[in-house]
Amino acid sequence: MNTYQPLSCDMHDYLEIACMYGYRLQVERIDGCSYAARALTTRTAASKEEFLVLRGDRGQFEVRLDRLLAITPLEANARFGRIELR
């Protein structure tokens, strides 16, 4: 089992903005997977692990924040560009 490594507050702010505006994101994970999905919210588990909740073509799912490599908004007027989280 991998120990959870929280994101810095600065990086977490970008996720909150993406969720607040409901941005569709290109999500890149550290394992090399990449996909487009809409940012819905973040959540913290009882174990203190944090997750980004997304909605994709196959429904709603979560990604643990320390598994994210980068996010890129796919919206024309997004408030930020590609952000490398690690």
PDB file of N, CA and C in Angstrom:
ATOM      1  N   MET A   1       0.831  -1.180   0.000  1.00  0.00           N
ATOM      2  CA  MET A   1       0.000   0.000   0.000  1.00  0.00           C
ATOM      3  C   MET A   1       0.876   1.243   0.000  1.00  0.00           C
ATOM      4  N   ASN A   2       0.587   2.187  -0.872  1.00  0.00           N
ATOM      5  CA  ASN A   2       1.360   3.414  -0.974  1.00  0.00           C
ATOM      6  C   ASN A   2       0.888   4.431   0.050  1.00  0.00           C
ATOM      7  N   THR A   3       1.828   5.125   0.670  1.00  0.00           N
ATOM      8  CA  THR A   3       1.503   6.183   1.616  1.00  0.00           C
ATOM      9  C   THR A   3       1.042   7.406   0.838  1.00  0.00           C
ATOM     10  N   TYR A   4      -0.044   7.999   1.286  1.00  0.00           N
ATOM     11  CA  TYR A   4      -0.593   9.174   0.615  1.00  0.00           C
ATOM     12  C   TYR A   4       0.315  10.378   0.805  1.00  0.00           C
ATOM     13  N   GLN A   5       0.594  11.086  -0.280  1.00  0.00           N
ATOM     14  CA  GLN A   5       1.399  12.301  -0.263  1.00  0.00           C
ATOM     15  C   GLN A   5       0.499  13.469  -0.684  1.00  0.00           C
ATOM     16  N   PRO A   6       0.076  14.319   0.255  1.00  0.00           N
ATOM     17  CA  PRO A   6      -0.844  15.405  -0.101  1.00  0.00           C
ATOM     18  C   PRO A   6      -0.218  16.411  -1.060  1.00  0.00           C
ATOM     19  N   LEU A   7      -1.084  17.064  -1.840  1.00  0.00           N
ATOM     20  CA  LEU A   7      -0.645  18.132  -2.738  1.00  0.00           C
ATOM     21  C   LEU A   7      -0.409  19.400  -1.931  1.00  0.00           C
ATOM     22  N   SER A   8       0.401  20.282  -2.478  1.00  0.00           N
ATOM     23  CA  SER A   8       0.579  21.587  -1.841  1.00  0.00           C
ATOM     24  C   SER A   8      -0.722  22.381  -1.976  1.00  0.00           C
ATOM     25  N   CYS A   9      -0.897  23.351  -1.111  1.00  0.00           N
ATOM     26  CA  CYS A   9      -2.110  24.180  -1.151  1.00  0.00           C
ATOM     27  C   CYS A   9      -2.243  24.896  -2.496  1.00  0.00           C
ATOM     28  N   ASP A  10      -1.129  25.349  -3.060  1.00  0.00           N
ATOM     29  CA  ASP A  10      -1.171  26.037  -4.353  1.00  0.00           C
ATOM     30  C   ASP A  10      -1.733  25.133  -5.442  1.00  0.00           C
ATOM     31  N   MET A  11      -1.293  23.895  -5.476  1.00  0.00           N
ATOM     32  CA  MET A  11      -1.770  22.957  -6.492  1.00  0.00           C
ATOM     33  C   MET A  11      -3.234  22.587  -6.248  1.00  0.00           C
ATOM     34  N   HIS A  12      -3.593  22.449  -4.996  1.00  0.00           N
ATOM     35  CA  HIS A  12      -4.973  22.109  -4.637  1.00  0.00           C
ATOM     36  C   HIS A  12      -5.924  23.209  -5.103  1.00  0.00           C
ATOM     37  N   ASP A  13      -5.477  24.468  -5.065  1.00  0.00           N
ATOM     38  CA  ASP A  13      -6.311  25.592  -5.500  1.00  0.00           C
ATOM     39  C   ASP A  13      -6.738  25.447  -6.958  1.00  0.00           C
ATOM     40  N   TYR A  14      -5.863  24.947  -7.817  1.00  0.00           N
ATOM     41  CA  TYR A  14      -6.224  24.757  -9.225  1.00  0.00           C
ATOM     42  C   TYR A  14      -7.342  23.730  -9.371  1.00  0.00           C
ATOM     43  N   LEU A  15      -7.295  22.693  -8.576  1.00  0.00           N
ATOM     44  CA  LEU A  15      -8.358  21.689  -8.621  1.00  0.00           C
ATOM     45  C   LEU A  15      -9.682  22.287  -8.164  1.00  0.00           C
ATOM     46  N   GLU A  16      -9.641  23.105  -7.124  1.00  0.00           N
ATOM     47  CA  GLU A  16     -10.857  23.754  -6.628  1.00  0.00           C
ATOM     48  C   GLU A  16     -11.448  24.690  -7.679  1.00  0.00           C
ATOM     49  N   ILE A  17     -10.607  25.428  -8.390  1.00  0.00           N
ATOM     50  CA  ILE A  17     -11.082  26.308  -9.459  1.00  0.00           C
ATOM     51  C   ILE A  17     -11.735  25.477 -10.558  1.00  0.00           C
ATOM     52  N   ALA A  18     -11.080  24.375 -10.946  1.00  0.00           N
ATOM     53  CA  ALA A  18     -11.629  23.505 -11.996  1.00  0.00           C
ATOM     54  C   ALA A  18     -12.998  22.974 -11.595  1.00  0.00           C
ATOM     55  N   CYS A  19     -13.154  22.615 -10.337  1.00  0.00           N
ATOM     56  CA  CYS A  19     -14.445  22.105  -9.855  1.00  0.00           C
ATOM     57  C   CYS A  19     -15.484  23.213  -9.775  1.00  0.00           C
ATOM     58  N   MET A  20     -15.088  24.367  -9.281  1.00  0.00           N
ATOM     59  CA  MET A  20     -16.011  25.488  -9.127  1.00  0.00           C
ATOM     60  C   MET A  20     -16.624  25.883 -10.480  1.00  0.00           C
ATOM     61  N   TYR A  21     -15.812  25.870 -11.530  1.00  0.00           N
ATOM     62  CA  TYR A  21     -16.289  26.243 -12.860  1.00  0.00           C
ATOM     63  C   TYR A  21     -16.745  25.042 -13.686  1.00  0.00           C
ATOM     64  N   GLY A  22     -16.605  23.841 -13.131  1.00  0.00           N
ATOM     65  CA  GLY A  22     -17.027  22.643 -13.848  1.00  0.00           C
ATOM     66  C   GLY A  22     -16.250  22.394 -15.125  1.00  0.00           C
ATOM     67  N   TYR A  23     -14.964  22.700 -15.097  1.00  0.00           N
ATOM     68  CA  TYR A  23     -14.130  22.541 -16.293  1.00  0.00           C
ATOM     69  C   TYR A  23     -14.058  21.088 -16.739  1.00  0.00           C
ATOM     70  N   ARG A  24     -14.069  20.920 -18.035  1.00  0.00           N
ATOM     71  CA  ARG A  24     -13.694  19.640 -18.621  1.00  0.00           C
ATOM     72  C   ARG A  24     -12.175  19.664 -18.682  1.00  0.00           C
ATOM     73  N   LEU A  25     -11.543  18.611 -18.186  1.00  0.00           N
ATOM     74  CA  LEU A  25     -10.088  18.559 -18.065  1.00  0.00           C
ATOM     75  C   LEU A  25      -9.494  17.403 -18.852  1.00  0.00           C
ATOM     76  N   GLN A  26      -8.290  17.619 -19.341  1.00  0.00           N
ATOM     77  CA  GLN A  26      -7.453  16.513 -19.785  1.00  0.00           C
ATOM     78  C   GLN A  26      -6.660  16.125 -18.552  1.00  0.00           C
ATOM     79  N   VAL A  27      -6.875  14.941 -18.033  1.00  0.00           N
ATOM     80  CA  VAL A  27      -6.264  14.471 -16.796  1.00  0.00           C
ATOM     81  C   VAL A  27      -5.134  13.513 -17.147  1.00  0.00           C
ATOM     82  N   GLU A  28      -3.948  13.777 -16.622  1.00  0.00           N
ATOM     83  CA  GLU A  28      -2.798  12.896 -16.816  1.00  0.00           C
ATOM     84  C   GLU A  28      -2.415  12.316 -15.463  1.00  0.00           C
ATOM     85  N   ARG A  29      -2.316  11.001 -15.401  1.00  0.00           N
ATOM     86  CA  ARG A  29      -1.915  10.338 -14.160  1.00  0.00           C
ATOM     87  C   ARG A  29      -0.442   9.949 -14.223  1.00  0.00           C
ATOM     88  N   ILE A  30       0.145   9.709 -13.063  1.00  0.00           N
ATOM     89  CA  ILE A  30       1.571   9.357 -13.014  1.00  0.00           C
ATOM     90  C   ILE A  30       1.855   7.995 -13.631  1.00  0.00           C
ATOM     91  N   ASP A  31       0.809   7.156 -13.779  1.00  0.00           N
ATOM     92  CA  ASP A  31       1.006   5.838 -14.394  1.00  0.00           C
ATOM     93  C   ASP A  31       0.938   5.885 -15.922  1.00  0.00           C
ATOM     94  N   GLY A  32       0.789   7.092 -16.495  1.00  0.00           N
ATOM     95  CA  GLY A  32       0.781   7.249 -17.942  1.00  0.00           C
ATOM     96  C   GLY A  32      -0.603   7.309 -18.564  1.00  0.00           C
ATOM     97  N   CYS A  33      -1.648   6.995 -17.811  1.00  0.00           N
ATOM     98  CA  CYS A  33      -3.017   7.083 -18.329  1.00  0.00           C
ATOM     99  C   CYS A  33      -3.408   8.547 -18.495  1.00  0.00           C
ATOM    100  N   SER A  34      -4.217   8.793 -19.519  1.00  0.00           N
ATOM    101  CA  SER A  34      -4.697  10.143 -19.781  1.00  0.00           C
ATOM    102  C   SER A  34      -6.118  10.050 -20.312  1.00  0.00           C
ATOM    103  N   TYR A  35      -6.983  10.962 -19.901  1.00  0.00           N
ATOM    104  CA  TYR A  35      -8.370  10.961 -20.356  1.00  0.00           C
ATOM    105  C   TYR A  35      -8.989  12.325 -20.107  1.00  0.00           C
ATOM    106  N   ALA A  36     -10.118  12.578 -20.781  1.00  0.00           N
ATOM    107  CA  ALA A  36     -10.871  13.812 -20.591  1.00  0.00           C
ATOM    108  C   ALA A  36     -12.068  13.515 -19.708  1.00  0.00           C
ATOM    109  N   ALA A  37     -12.319  14.423 -18.753  1.00  0.00           N
ATOM    110  CA  ALA A  37     -13.451  14.269 -17.840  1.00  0.00           C
ATOM    111  C   ALA A  37     -13.776  15.625 -17.224  1.00  0.00           C
ATOM    112  N   ARG A  38     -15.008  15.778 -16.749  1.00  0.00           N
ATOM    113  CA  ARG A  38     -15.449  17.018 -16.110  1.00  0.00           C
ATOM    114  C   ARG A  38     -15.160  16.970 -14.612  1.00  0.00           C
ATOM    115  N   ALA A  39     -14.536  18.045 -14.095  1.00  0.00           N
ATOM    116  CA  ALA A  39     -14.241  18.156 -12.668  1.00  0.00           C
ATOM    117  C   ALA A  39     -15.529  18.477 -11.913  1.00  0.00           C
ATOM    118  N   LEU A  40     -15.838  17.686 -10.893  1.00  0.00           N
ATOM    119  CA  LEU A  40     -17.049  17.895 -10.106  1.00  0.00           C
ATOM    120  C   LEU A  40     -16.752  18.467  -8.731  1.00  0.00           C
ATOM    121  N   THR A  41     -15.884  17.809  -7.983  1.00  0.00           N
ATOM    122  CA  THR A  41     -15.563  18.242  -6.621  1.00  0.00           C
ATOM    123  C   THR A  41     -14.322  17.485  -6.150  1.00  0.00           C
ATOM    124  N   THR A  42     -13.851  17.846  -4.975  1.00  0.00           N
ATOM    125  CA  THR A  42     -12.815  17.064  -4.309  1.00  0.00           C
ATOM    126  C   THR A  42     -13.438  16.495  -3.047  1.00  0.00           C
ATOM    127  N   ARG A  43     -12.843  15.432  -2.559  1.00  0.00           N
ATOM    128  CA  ARG A  43     -13.345  14.841  -1.322  1.00  0.00           C
ATOM    129  C   ARG A  43     -12.176  14.282  -0.533  1.00  0.00           C
ATOM    130  N   THR A  44     -12.341  14.282   0.785  1.00  0.00           N
ATOM    131  CA  THR A  44     -11.335  13.744   1.691  1.00  0.00           C
ATOM    132  C   THR A  44     -11.920  12.528   2.390  1.00  0.00           C
ATOM    133  N   ALA A  45     -11.228  11.416   2.308  1.00  0.00           N
ATOM    134  CA  ALA A  45     -11.658  10.178   2.964  1.00  0.00           C
ATOM    135  C   ALA A  45     -11.305  10.238   4.448  1.00  0.00           C
ATOM    136  N   ALA A  46     -11.897   9.363   5.213  1.00  0.00           N
ATOM    137  CA  ALA A  46     -11.610   9.286   6.648  1.00  0.00           C
ATOM    138  C   ALA A  46     -10.124   9.042   6.904  1.00  0.00           C
ATOM    139  N   SER A  47      -9.460   8.384   5.954  1.00  0.00           N
ATOM    140  CA  SER A  47      -8.029   8.097   6.065  1.00  0.00           C
ATOM    141  C   SER A  47      -7.155   9.311   5.727  1.00  0.00           C
ATOM    142  N   LYS A  48      -7.793  10.449   5.401  1.00  0.00           N
ATOM    143  CA  LYS A  48      -7.135  11.713   5.031  1.00  0.00           C
ATOM    144  C   LYS A  48      -6.618  11.735   3.600  1.00  0.00           C
ATOM    145  N   GLU A  49      -6.871  10.686   2.832  1.00  0.00           N
ATOM    146  CA  GLU A  49      -6.536  10.704   1.410  1.00  0.00           C
ATOM    147  C   GLU A  49      -7.542  11.618   0.709  1.00  0.00           C
ATOM    148  N   GLU A  50      -7.034  12.381  -0.270  1.00  0.00           N
ATOM    149  CA  GLU A  50      -7.895  13.305  -1.008  1.00  0.00           C
ATOM    150  C   GLU A  50      -8.085  12.803  -2.435  1.00  0.00           C
ATOM    151  N   PHE A  51      -9.267  13.078  -2.984  1.00  0.00           N
ATOM    152  CA  PHE A  51      -9.642  12.594  -4.307  1.00  0.00           C
ATOM    153  C   PHE A  51     -10.258  13.711  -5.130  1.00  0.00           C
ATOM    154  N   LEU A  52     -10.031  13.659  -6.432  1.00  0.00           N
ATOM    155  CA  LEU A  52     -10.732  14.507  -7.388  1.00  0.00           C
ATOM    156  C   LEU A  52     -11.865  13.676  -7.951  1.00  0.00           C
ATOM    157  N   VAL A  53     -13.080  14.188  -7.845  1.00  0.00           N
ATOM    158  CA  VAL A  53     -14.254  13.494  -8.361  1.00  0.00           C
ATOM    159  C   VAL A  53     -14.530  14.046  -9.761  1.00  0.00           C
ATOM    160  N   LEU A  54     -14.632  13.140 -10.718  1.00  0.00           N
ATOM    161  CA  LEU A  54     -14.781  13.503 -12.129  1.00  0.00           C
ATOM    162  C   LEU A  54     -15.979  12.788 -12.739  1.00  0.00           C
ATOM    163  N   ARG A  55     -16.483  13.334 -13.835  1.00  0.00           N
ATOM    164  CA  ARG A  55     -17.506  12.634 -14.612  1.00  0.00           C
ATOM    165  C   ARG A  55     -16.982  12.490 -16.042  1.00  0.00           C
ATOM    166  N   GLY A  56     -16.889  11.235 -16.477  1.00  0.00           N
ATOM    167  CA  GLY A  56     -16.430  10.937 -17.829  1.00  0.00           C
ATOM    168  C   GLY A  56     -17.522  10.272 -18.630  1.00  0.00           C
ATOM    169  N   ASP A  57     -17.160   9.730 -19.770  1.00  0.00           N
ATOM    170  CA  ASP A  57     -18.117   9.061 -20.661  1.00  0.00           C
ATOM    171  C   ASP A  57     -18.800   7.879 -19.991  1.00  0.00           C
ATOM    172  N   ARG A  58     -18.130   7.257 -19.042  1.00  0.00           N
ATOM    173  CA  ARG A  58     -18.679   6.061 -18.388  1.00  0.00           C
ATOM    174  C   ARG A  58     -19.219   6.344 -16.989  1.00  0.00           C
ATOM    175  N   GLY A  59     -19.440   7.609 -16.672  1.00  0.00           N
ATOM    176  CA  GLY A  59     -19.999   7.956 -15.379  1.00  0.00           C
ATOM    177  C   GLY A  59     -19.005   8.619 -14.454  1.00  0.00           C
ATOM    178  N   GLN A  60     -19.376   8.702 -13.186  1.00  0.00           N
ATOM    179  CA  GLN A  60     -18.584   9.377 -12.170  1.00  0.00           C
ATOM    180  C   GLN A  60     -17.514   8.448 -11.604  1.00  0.00           C
ATOM    181  N   PHE A  61     -16.330   9.023 -11.362  1.00  0.00           N
ATOM    182  CA  PHE A  61     -15.237   8.253 -10.771  1.00  0.00           C
ATOM    183  C   PHE A  61     -14.310   9.195 -10.017  1.00  0.00           C
ATOM    184  N   GLU A  62     -13.372   8.639  -9.270  1.00  0.00           N
ATOM    185  CA  GLU A  62     -12.440   9.411  -8.456  1.00  0.00           C
ATOM    186  C   GLU A  62     -11.002   9.033  -8.780  1.00  0.00           C
ATOM    187  N   VAL A  63     -10.125  10.024  -8.626  1.00  0.00           N
ATOM    188  CA  VAL A  63      -8.683   9.799  -8.757  1.00  0.00           C
ATOM    189  C   VAL A  63      -8.021  10.369  -7.505  1.00  0.00           C
ATOM    190  N   ARG A  64      -7.204   9.555  -6.852  1.00  0.00           N
ATOM    191  CA  ARG A  64      -6.484  10.039  -5.679  1.00  0.00           C
ATOM    192  C   ARG A  64      -5.522  11.133  -6.126  1.00  0.00           C
ATOM    193  N   LEU A  65      -5.482  12.238  -5.399  1.00  0.00           N
ATOM    194  CA  LEU A  65      -4.733  13.409  -5.840  1.00  0.00           C
ATOM    195  C   LEU A  65      -3.248  13.150  -6.036  1.00  0.00           C
ATOM    196  N   ASP A  66      -2.656  12.289  -5.239  1.00  0.00           N
ATOM    197  CA  ASP A  66      -1.220  12.034  -5.418  1.00  0.00           C
ATOM    198  C   ASP A  66      -0.930  11.109  -6.597  1.00  0.00           C
ATOM    199  N   ARG A  67      -1.953  10.695  -7.312  1.00  0.00           N
ATOM    200  CA  ARG A  67      -1.778   9.899  -8.535  1.00  0.00           C
ATOM    201  C   ARG A  67      -1.864  10.782  -9.778  1.00  0.00           C
ATOM    202  N   LEU A  68      -2.182  12.071  -9.589  1.00  0.00           N
ATOM    203  CA  LEU A  68      -2.284  13.000 -10.711  1.00  0.00           C
ATOM    204  C   LEU A  68      -0.912  13.554 -11.070  1.00  0.00           C
ATOM    205  N   LEU A  69      -0.632  13.612 -12.358  1.00  0.00           N
ATOM    206  CA  LEU A  69       0.589  14.234 -12.854  1.00  0.00           C
ATOM    207  C   LEU A  69       0.297  15.671 -13.281  1.00  0.00           C
ATOM    208  N   ALA A  70      -0.775  15.837 -14.084  1.00  0.00           N
ATOM    209  CA  ALA A  70      -1.102  17.163 -14.610  1.00  0.00           C
ATOM    210  C   ALA A  70      -2.578  17.219 -14.990  1.00  0.00           C
ATOM    211  N   ILE A  71      -3.092  18.452 -15.029  1.00  0.00           N
ATOM    212  CA  ILE A  71      -4.434  18.701 -15.550  1.00  0.00           C
ATOM    213  C   ILE A  71      -4.346  19.849 -16.540  1.00  0.00           C
ATOM    214  N   THR A  72      -5.153  19.770 -17.594  1.00  0.00           N
ATOM    215  CA  THR A  72      -5.240  20.833 -18.588  1.00  0.00           C
ATOM    216  C   THR A  72      -6.703  21.114 -18.859  1.00  0.00           C
ATOM    217  N   PRO A  73      -7.169  22.338 -18.616  1.00  0.00           N
ATOM    218  CA  PRO A  73      -8.559  22.659 -18.932  1.00  0.00           C
ATOM    219  C   PRO A  73      -8.792  22.597 -20.439  1.00  0.00           C
ATOM    220  N   LEU A  74      -9.934  22.069 -20.833  1.00  0.00           N
ATOM    221  CA  LEU A  74     -10.298  21.986 -22.240  1.00  0.00           C
ATOM    222  C   LEU A  74     -11.300  23.080 -22.613  1.00  0.00           C
ATOM    223  N   GLU A  75     -11.500  24.034 -21.710  1.00  0.00           N
ATOM    224  CA  GLU A  75     -12.420  25.153 -21.931  1.00  0.00           C
ATOM    225  C   GLU A  75     -11.657  26.303 -22.581  1.00  0.00           C
ATOM    226  N   ALA A  76     -12.300  27.001 -23.515  1.00  0.00           N
ATOM    227  CA  ALA A  76     -11.649  28.100 -24.231  1.00  0.00           C
ATOM    228  C   ALA A  76     -11.248  29.250 -23.311  1.00  0.00           C
ATOM    229  N   ASN A  77     -12.059  29.565 -22.329  1.00  0.00           N
ATOM    230  CA  ASN A  77     -11.799  30.719 -21.463  1.00  0.00           C
ATOM    231  C   ASN A  77     -11.379  30.317 -20.056  1.00  0.00           C
ATOM    232  N   ALA A  78     -10.655  29.233 -19.936  1.00  0.00           N
ATOM    233  CA  ALA A  78     -10.238  28.738 -18.617  1.00  0.00           C
ATOM    234  C   ALA A  78      -9.326  29.756 -17.929  1.00  0.00           C
ATOM    235  N   ARG A  79      -9.335  29.745 -16.615  1.00  0.00           N
ATOM    236  CA  ARG A  79      -8.543  30.678 -15.821  1.00  0.00           C
ATOM    237  C   ARG A  79      -7.099  30.233 -15.634  1.00  0.00           C
ATOM    238  N   PHE A  80      -6.747  29.063 -16.134  1.00  0.00           N
ATOM    239  CA  PHE A  80      -5.366  28.582 -16.084  1.00  0.00           C
ATOM    240  C   PHE A  80      -5.149  27.616 -17.229  1.00  0.00           C
ATOM    241  N   GLY A  81      -3.885  27.332 -17.529  1.00  0.00           N
ATOM    242  CA  GLY A  81      -3.523  26.375 -18.570  1.00  0.00           C
ATOM    243  C   GLY A  81      -3.095  25.060 -17.939  1.00  0.00           C
ATOM    244  N   ARG A  82      -2.237  24.335 -18.629  1.00  0.00           N
ATOM    245  CA  ARG A  82      -1.755  23.052 -18.109  1.00  0.00           C
ATOM    246  C   ARG A  82      -1.007  23.275 -16.803  1.00  0.00           C
ATOM    247  N   ILE A  83      -1.375  22.483 -15.794  1.00  0.00           N
ATOM    248  CA  ILE A  83      -0.736  22.559 -14.484  1.00  0.00           C
ATOM    249  C   ILE A  83      -0.141  21.213 -14.165  1.00  0.00           C
ATOM    250  N   GLU A  84       1.173  21.184 -13.920  1.00  0.00           N
ATOM    251  CA  GLU A  84       1.827  19.952 -13.473  1.00  0.00           C
ATOM    252  C   GLU A  84       1.735  19.902 -11.959  1.00  0.00           C
ATOM    253  N   LEU A  85       1.079  18.890 -11.460  1.00  0.00           N
ATOM    254  CA  LEU A  85       0.838  18.759 -10.034  1.00  0.00           C
ATOM    255  C   LEU A  85       1.973  18.064  -9.303  1.00  0.00           C
ATOM    256  N   ARG A  86       2.833  17.377 -10.023  1.00  0.00           N
ATOM    257  CA  ARG A  86       3.988  16.673  -9.427  1.00  0.00           C
ATOM    258  C   ARG A  86       5.253  17.127 -10.092  1.00  0.00           C
TER     259      ARG A  86
END
